[in-house]
């Protein structure tokens, strides 16, 4: 029943997809490197903050449980 409608919509879908891909503006190499370095630096900073908070909370729990 719907086979003919499906077959005719697939080529138009791929044409539309190709047209949309042509509209994409990719960042240049320098911008990509800067953003990647920022992501890595922020990830390390957040990891360190979480590690310090974990150590402090663990120390507090150990004090409370030893009472």
PDB file of N, CA and C in Angstrom:
ATOM      1  N   UNK A   1       0.812  -1.195   0.000  1.00  0.00           N
ATOM      2  CA  UNK A   1       0.000   0.000   0.000  1.00  0.00           C
ATOM      3  C   UNK A   1       0.853   1.255   0.000  1.00  0.00           C
ATOM      4  N   UNK A   2       1.706   1.429   1.027  1.00  0.00           N
ATOM      5  CA  UNK A   2       2.496   2.645   1.136  1.00  0.00           C
ATOM      6  C   UNK A   2       3.877   2.521   0.531  1.00  0.00           C
ATOM      7  N   UNK A   3       4.121   1.480  -0.252  1.00  0.00           N
ATOM      8  CA  UNK A   3       5.452   1.266  -0.809  1.00  0.00           C
ATOM      9  C   UNK A   3       5.861   2.360  -1.787  1.00  0.00           C
ATOM     10  N   UNK A   4       4.957   2.798  -2.627  1.00  0.00           N
ATOM     11  CA  UNK A   4       5.313   3.804  -3.624  1.00  0.00           C
ATOM     12  C   UNK A   4       5.609   5.147  -2.966  1.00  0.00           C
ATOM     13  N   UNK A   5       4.884   5.483  -1.903  1.00  0.00           N
ATOM     14  CA  UNK A   5       5.135   6.745  -1.206  1.00  0.00           C
ATOM     15  C   UNK A   5       6.479   6.691  -0.479  1.00  0.00           C
ATOM     16  N   UNK A   6       6.824   5.530   0.094  1.00  0.00           N
ATOM     17  CA  UNK A   6       8.105   5.384   0.787  1.00  0.00           C
ATOM     18  C   UNK A   6       9.273   5.503  -0.177  1.00  0.00           C
ATOM     19  N   UNK A   7       9.160   4.861  -1.339  1.00  0.00           N
ATOM     20  CA  UNK A   7      10.253   4.864  -2.301  1.00  0.00           C
ATOM     21  C   UNK A   7      10.499   6.248  -2.875  1.00  0.00           C
ATOM     22  N   UNK A   8       9.474   7.033  -3.052  1.00  0.00           N
ATOM     23  CA  UNK A   8       9.666   8.365  -3.612  1.00  0.00           C
ATOM     24  C   UNK A   8      10.173   9.347  -2.566  1.00  0.00           C
ATOM     25  N   UNK A   9       9.963   9.079  -1.264  1.00  0.00           N
ATOM     26  CA  UNK A   9      10.410  10.011  -0.233  1.00  0.00           C
ATOM     27  C   UNK A   9      11.878   9.817   0.122  1.00  0.00           C
ATOM     28  N   UNK A  10      12.437   8.629  -0.117  1.00  0.00           N
ATOM     29  CA  UNK A  10      13.829   8.389   0.240  1.00  0.00           C
ATOM     30  C   UNK A  10      14.802   9.250  -0.565  1.00  0.00           C
ATOM     31  N   UNK A  11      14.686   9.343  -1.885  1.00  0.00           N
ATOM     32  CA  UNK A  11      15.622  10.201  -2.624  1.00  0.00           C
ATOM     33  C   UNK A  11      15.511  11.672  -2.211  1.00  0.00           C
ATOM     34  N   UNK A  12      14.308  12.140  -1.941  1.00  0.00           N
ATOM     35  CA  UNK A  12      14.174  13.541  -1.537  1.00  0.00           C
ATOM     36  C   UNK A  12      14.763  13.757  -0.143  1.00  0.00           C
ATOM     37  N   UNK A  13      14.678  12.734   0.701  1.00  0.00           N
ATOM     38  CA  UNK A  13      15.291  12.848   2.030  1.00  0.00           C
ATOM     39  C   UNK A  13      16.798  13.014   1.907  1.00  0.00           C
ATOM     40  N   UNK A  14      17.428  12.193   1.058  1.00  0.00           N
ATOM     41  CA  UNK A  14      18.877  12.267   0.914  1.00  0.00           C
ATOM     42  C   UNK A  14      19.305  13.553   0.205  1.00  0.00           C
ATOM     43  N   UNK A  15      18.496  14.068  -0.690  1.00  0.00           N
ATOM     44  CA  UNK A  15      18.807  15.354  -1.324  1.00  0.00           C
ATOM     45  C   UNK A  15      18.756  16.467  -0.286  1.00  0.00           C
ATOM     46  N   UNK A  16      17.741  16.415   0.570  1.00  0.00           N
ATOM     47  CA  UNK A  16      17.629  17.411   1.638  1.00  0.00           C
ATOM     48  C   UNK A  16      18.773  17.296   2.629  1.00  0.00           C
ATOM     49  N   UNK A  17      19.169  16.078   2.919  1.00  0.00           N
ATOM     50  CA  UNK A  17      20.281  15.846   3.839  1.00  0.00           C
ATOM     51  C   UNK A  17      21.574  16.427   3.277  1.00  0.00           C
ATOM     52  N   UNK A  18      21.799  16.188   1.996  1.00  0.00           N
ATOM     53  CA  UNK A  18      22.994  16.713   1.333  1.00  0.00           C
ATOM     54  C   UNK A  18      22.987  18.235   1.340  1.00  0.00           C
ATOM     55  N   UNK A  19      21.825  18.834   1.106  1.00  0.00           N
ATOM     56  CA  UNK A  19      21.713  20.295   1.115  1.00  0.00           C
ATOM     57  C   UNK A  19      22.003  20.850   2.506  1.00  0.00           C
ATOM     58  N   UNK A  20      21.529  20.167   3.539  1.00  0.00           N
ATOM     59  CA  UNK A  20      21.778  20.628   4.904  1.00  0.00           C
ATOM     60  C   UNK A  20      23.249  20.504   5.280  1.00  0.00           C
ATOM     61  N   UNK A  21      23.912  19.453   4.817  1.00  0.00           N
ATOM     62  CA  UNK A  21      25.336  19.282   5.109  1.00  0.00           C
ATOM     63  C   UNK A  21      26.160  20.383   4.462  1.00  0.00           C
ATOM     64  N   UNK A  22      25.718  20.891   3.330  1.00  0.00           N
ATOM     65  CA  UNK A  22      26.441  21.980   2.669  1.00  0.00           C
ATOM     66  C   UNK A  22      26.333  23.277   3.457  1.00  0.00           C
ATOM     67  N   UNK A  23      25.298  23.417   4.285  1.00  0.00           N
ATOM     68  CA  UNK A  23      25.089  24.629   5.072  1.00  0.00           C
ATOM     69  C   UNK A  23      25.939  24.666   6.346  1.00  0.00           C
ATOM     70  N   UNK A  24      26.523  23.543   6.725  1.00  0.00           N
ATOM     71  CA  UNK A  24      27.298  23.471   7.967  1.00  0.00           C
ATOM     72  C   UNK A  24      28.574  24.293   7.824  1.00  0.00           C
ATOM     73  N   UNK A  25      28.848  25.113   8.829  1.00  0.00           N
ATOM     74  CA  UNK A  25      30.117  25.842   8.847  1.00  0.00           C
ATOM     75  C   UNK A  25      30.980  25.241   9.946  1.00  0.00           C
ATOM     76  N   UNK A  26      32.007  24.523   9.539  1.00  0.00           N
ATOM     77  CA  UNK A  26      32.875  23.838  10.478  1.00  0.00           C
ATOM     78  C   UNK A  26      33.885  24.827  11.053  1.00  0.00           C
ATOM     79  N   UNK A  27      34.246  24.692  12.337  1.00  0.00           N
ATOM     80  CA  UNK A  27      35.246  25.596  12.919  1.00  0.00           C
ATOM     81  C   UNK A  27      36.629  25.326  12.333  1.00  0.00           C
ATOM     82  N   UNK A  28      37.465  26.357  12.363  1.00  0.00           N
ATOM     83  CA  UNK A  28      38.821  26.172  11.844  1.00  0.00           C
ATOM     84  C   UNK A  28      39.664  25.410  12.861  1.00  0.00           C
ATOM     85  N   UNK A  29      40.853  25.017  12.447  1.00  0.00           N
ATOM     86  CA  UNK A  29      41.723  24.173  13.263  1.00  0.00           C
ATOM     87  C   UNK A  29      42.108  24.858  14.567  1.00  0.00           C
ATOM     88  N   UNK A  30      42.434  26.136  14.505  1.00  0.00           N
ATOM     89  CA  UNK A  30      42.868  26.871  15.700  1.00  0.00           C
ATOM     90  C   UNK A  30      41.747  26.934  16.742  1.00  0.00           C
ATOM     91  N   UNK A  31      40.547  27.201  16.294  1.00  0.00           N
ATOM     92  CA  UNK A  31      39.406  27.270  17.202  1.00  0.00           C
ATOM     93  C   UNK A  31      39.132  25.909  17.839  1.00  0.00           C
ATOM     94  N   UNK A  32      39.232  24.857  17.056  1.00  0.00           N
ATOM     95  CA  UNK A  32      39.005  23.505  17.570  1.00  0.00           C
ATOM     96  C   UNK A  32      40.039  23.151  18.631  1.00  0.00           C
ATOM     97  N   UNK A  33      41.294  23.501  18.395  1.00  0.00           N
ATOM     98  CA  UNK A  33      42.352  23.203  19.364  1.00  0.00           C
ATOM     99  C   UNK A  33      42.124  23.982  20.653  1.00  0.00           C
ATOM    100  N   UNK A  34      41.778  25.268  20.538  1.00  0.00           N
ATOM    101  CA  UNK A  34      41.535  26.081  21.735  1.00  0.00           C
ATOM    102  C   UNK A  34      40.381  25.520  22.558  1.00  0.00           C
ATOM    103  N   UNK A  35      39.313  25.143  21.889  1.00  0.00           N
ATOM    104  CA  UNK A  35      38.157  24.608  22.608  1.00  0.00           C
ATOM    105  C   UNK A  35      38.474  23.255  23.231  1.00  0.00           C
ATOM    106  N   UNK A  36      39.257  22.440  22.563  1.00  0.00           N
ATOM    107  CA  UNK A  36      39.639  21.138  23.110  1.00  0.00           C
ATOM    108  C   UNK A  36      40.511  21.307  24.349  1.00  0.00           C
ATOM    109  N   UNK A  37      41.450  22.232  24.303  1.00  0.00           N
ATOM    110  CA  UNK A  37      42.308  22.498  25.459  1.00  0.00           C
ATOM    111  C   UNK A  37      41.462  23.009  26.620  1.00  0.00           C
ATOM    112  N   UNK A  38      40.484  23.864  26.343  1.00  0.00           N
ATOM    113  CA  UNK A  38      39.619  24.378  27.402  1.00  0.00           C
ATOM    114  C   UNK A  38      38.814  23.249  28.039  1.00  0.00           C
ATOM    115  N   UNK A  39      38.302  22.343  27.242  1.00  0.00           N
ATOM    116  CA  UNK A  39      37.523  21.218  27.774  1.00  0.00           C
ATOM    117  C   UNK A  39      38.383  20.332  28.659  1.00  0.00           C
ATOM    118  N   UNK A  40      39.603  20.036  28.220  1.00  0.00           N
ATOM    119  CA  UNK A  40      40.495  19.187  29.011  1.00  0.00           C
ATOM    120  C   UNK A  40      40.874  19.878  30.317  1.00  0.00           C
ATOM    121  N   UNK A  41      41.196  21.177  30.251  1.00  0.00           N
ATOM    122  CA  UNK A  41      41.587  21.915  31.449  1.00  0.00           C
ATOM    123  C   UNK A  41      40.444  21.981  32.457  1.00  0.00           C
ATOM    124  N   UNK A  42      39.246  22.264  31.987  1.00  0.00           N
ATOM    125  CA  UNK A  42      38.098  22.341  32.893  1.00  0.00           C
ATOM    126  C   UNK A  42      37.789  20.963  33.478  1.00  0.00           C
ATOM    127  N   UNK A  43      37.932  19.926  32.688  1.00  0.00           N
ATOM    128  CA  UNK A  43      37.691  18.567  33.188  1.00  0.00           C
ATOM    129  C   UNK A  43      38.678  18.213  34.293  1.00  0.00           C
ATOM    130  N   UNK A  44      39.939  18.580  34.121  1.00  0.00           N
ATOM    131  CA  UNK A  44      40.950  18.316  35.157  1.00  0.00           C
ATOM    132  C   UNK A  44      40.639  19.118  36.410  1.00  0.00           C
ATOM    133  N   UNK A  45      40.261  20.391  36.243  1.00  0.00           N
ATOM    134  CA  UNK A  45      39.952  21.240  37.395  1.00  0.00           C
ATOM    135  C   UNK A  45      38.760  20.698  38.178  1.00  0.00           C
ATOM    136  N   UNK A  46      37.711  20.307  37.475  1.00  0.00           N
ATOM    137  CA  UNK A  46      36.535  19.762  38.153  1.00  0.00           C
ATOM    138  C   UNK A  46      36.880  18.435  38.829  1.00  0.00           C
ATOM    139  N   UNK A  47      37.700  17.620  38.194  1.00  0.00           N
ATOM    140  CA  UNK A  47      38.135  16.369  38.808  1.00  0.00           C
ATOM    141  C   UNK A  47      38.903  16.605  40.097  1.00  0.00           C
ATOM    142  N   UNK A  48      39.781  17.594  40.090  1.00  0.00           N
ATOM    143  CA  UNK A  48      40.531  17.924  41.308  1.00  0.00           C
ATOM    144  C   UNK A  48      39.613  18.430  42.413  1.00  0.00           C
ATOM    145  N   UNK A  49      38.651  19.258  42.060  1.00  0.00           N
ATOM    146  CA  UNK A  49      37.703  19.764  43.058  1.00  0.00           C
ATOM    147  C   UNK A  49      36.915  18.608  43.666  1.00  0.00           C
ATOM    148  N   UNK A  50      36.451  17.696  42.835  1.00  0.00           N
ATOM    149  CA  UNK A  50      35.700  16.543  43.340  1.00  0.00           C
ATOM    150  C   UNK A  50      36.586  15.666  44.227  1.00  0.00           C
ATOM    151  N   UNK A  51      37.854  15.488  43.857  1.00  0.00           N
ATOM    152  CA  UNK A  51      38.763  14.674  44.655  1.00  0.00           C
ATOM    153  C   UNK A  51      39.001  15.306  46.024  1.00  0.00           C
ATOM    154  N   UNK A  52      39.182  16.613  46.057  1.00  0.00           N
ATOM    155  CA  UNK A  52      39.402  17.305  47.328  1.00  0.00           C
ATOM    156  C   UNK A  52      38.150  17.213  48.206  1.00  0.00           C
ATOM    157  N   UNK A  53      36.991  17.447  47.617  1.00  0.00           N
ATOM    158  CA  UNK A  53      35.759  17.345  48.395  1.00  0.00           C
ATOM    159  C   UNK A  53      35.549  15.924  48.911  1.00  0.00           C
ATOM    160  N   UNK A  54      35.875  14.938  48.097  1.00  0.00           N
ATOM    161  CA  UNK A  54      35.748  13.544  48.520  1.00  0.00           C
ATOM    162  C   UNK A  54      36.661  13.255  49.701  1.00  0.00           C
ATOM    163  N   UNK A  55      37.877  13.760  49.640  1.00  0.00           N
ATOM    164  CA  UNK A  55      38.831  13.548  50.740  1.00  0.00           C
ATOM    165  C   UNK A  55      38.321  14.203  52.024  1.00  0.00           C
ATOM    166  N   UNK A  56      37.814  15.423  51.922  1.00  0.00           N
ATOM    167  CA  UNK A  56      37.317  16.146  53.102  1.00  0.00           C
ATOM    168  C   UNK A  56      36.112  15.416  53.697  1.00  0.00           C
ATOM    169  N   UNK A  57      35.184  14.996  52.864  1.00  0.00           N
ATOM    170  CA  UNK A  57      33.997  14.301  53.358  1.00  0.00           C
ATOM    171  C   UNK A  57      34.386  12.954  53.978  1.00  0.00           C
ATOM    172  N   UNK A  58      35.318  12.253  53.346  1.00  0.00           N
ATOM    173  CA  UNK A  58      35.771  10.972  53.882  1.00  0.00           C
ATOM    174  C   UNK A  58      36.427  11.176  55.248  1.00  0.00           C
ATOM    175  N   UNK A  59      37.227  12.210  55.389  1.00  0.00           N
ATOM    176  CA  UNK A  59      37.878  12.523  56.658  1.00  0.00           C
ATOM    177  C   UNK A  59      36.826  12.838  57.727  1.00  0.00           C
ATOM    178  N   UNK A  60      35.811  13.610  57.366  1.00  0.00           N
ATOM    179  CA  UNK A  60      34.743  13.950  58.314  1.00  0.00           C
ATOM    180  C   UNK A  60      33.948  12.732  58.724  1.00  0.00           C
ATOM    181  N   UNK A  61      33.636  11.858  57.810  1.00  0.00           N
ATOM    182  CA  UNK A  61      32.888  10.640  58.134  1.00  0.00           C
ATOM    183  C   UNK A  61      33.729   9.732  59.031  1.00  0.00           C
ATOM    184  N   UNK A  62      35.013   9.627  58.743  1.00  0.00           N
ATOM    185  CA  UNK A  62      35.889   8.803  59.593  1.00  0.00           C
ATOM    186  C   UNK A  62      35.944   9.346  61.021  1.00  0.00           C
ATOM    187  N   UNK A  63      35.964  10.640  61.160  1.00  0.00           N
ATOM    188  CA  UNK A  63      35.964  11.237  62.521  1.00  0.00           C
ATOM    189  C   UNK A  63      34.649  10.916  63.226  1.00  0.00           C
ATOM    190  N   UNK A  64      33.527  11.072  62.502  1.00  0.00           N
ATOM    191  CA  UNK A  64      32.227  10.814  63.112  1.00  0.00           C
ATOM    192  C   UNK A  64      32.040   9.343  63.478  1.00  0.00           C
ATOM    193  N   UNK A  65      32.535   8.449  62.663  1.00  0.00           N
ATOM    194  CA  UNK A  65      32.357   7.023  62.950  1.00  0.00           C
ATOM    195  C   UNK A  65      33.306   6.510  64.036  1.00  0.00           C
ATOM    196  N   UNK A  66      34.379   7.236  64.318  1.00  0.00           N
ATOM    197  CA  UNK A  66      35.319   6.795  65.343  1.00  0.00           C
ATOM    198  C   UNK A  66      34.920   7.276  66.736  1.00  0.00           C
ATOM    199  N   UNK A  67      33.876   8.061  66.841  1.00  0.00           N
ATOM    200  CA  UNK A  67      33.450   8.567  68.154  1.00  0.00           C
ATOM    201  C   UNK A  67      32.818   7.505  69.005  1.00  0.00           C
TER     202      UNK A  67
END
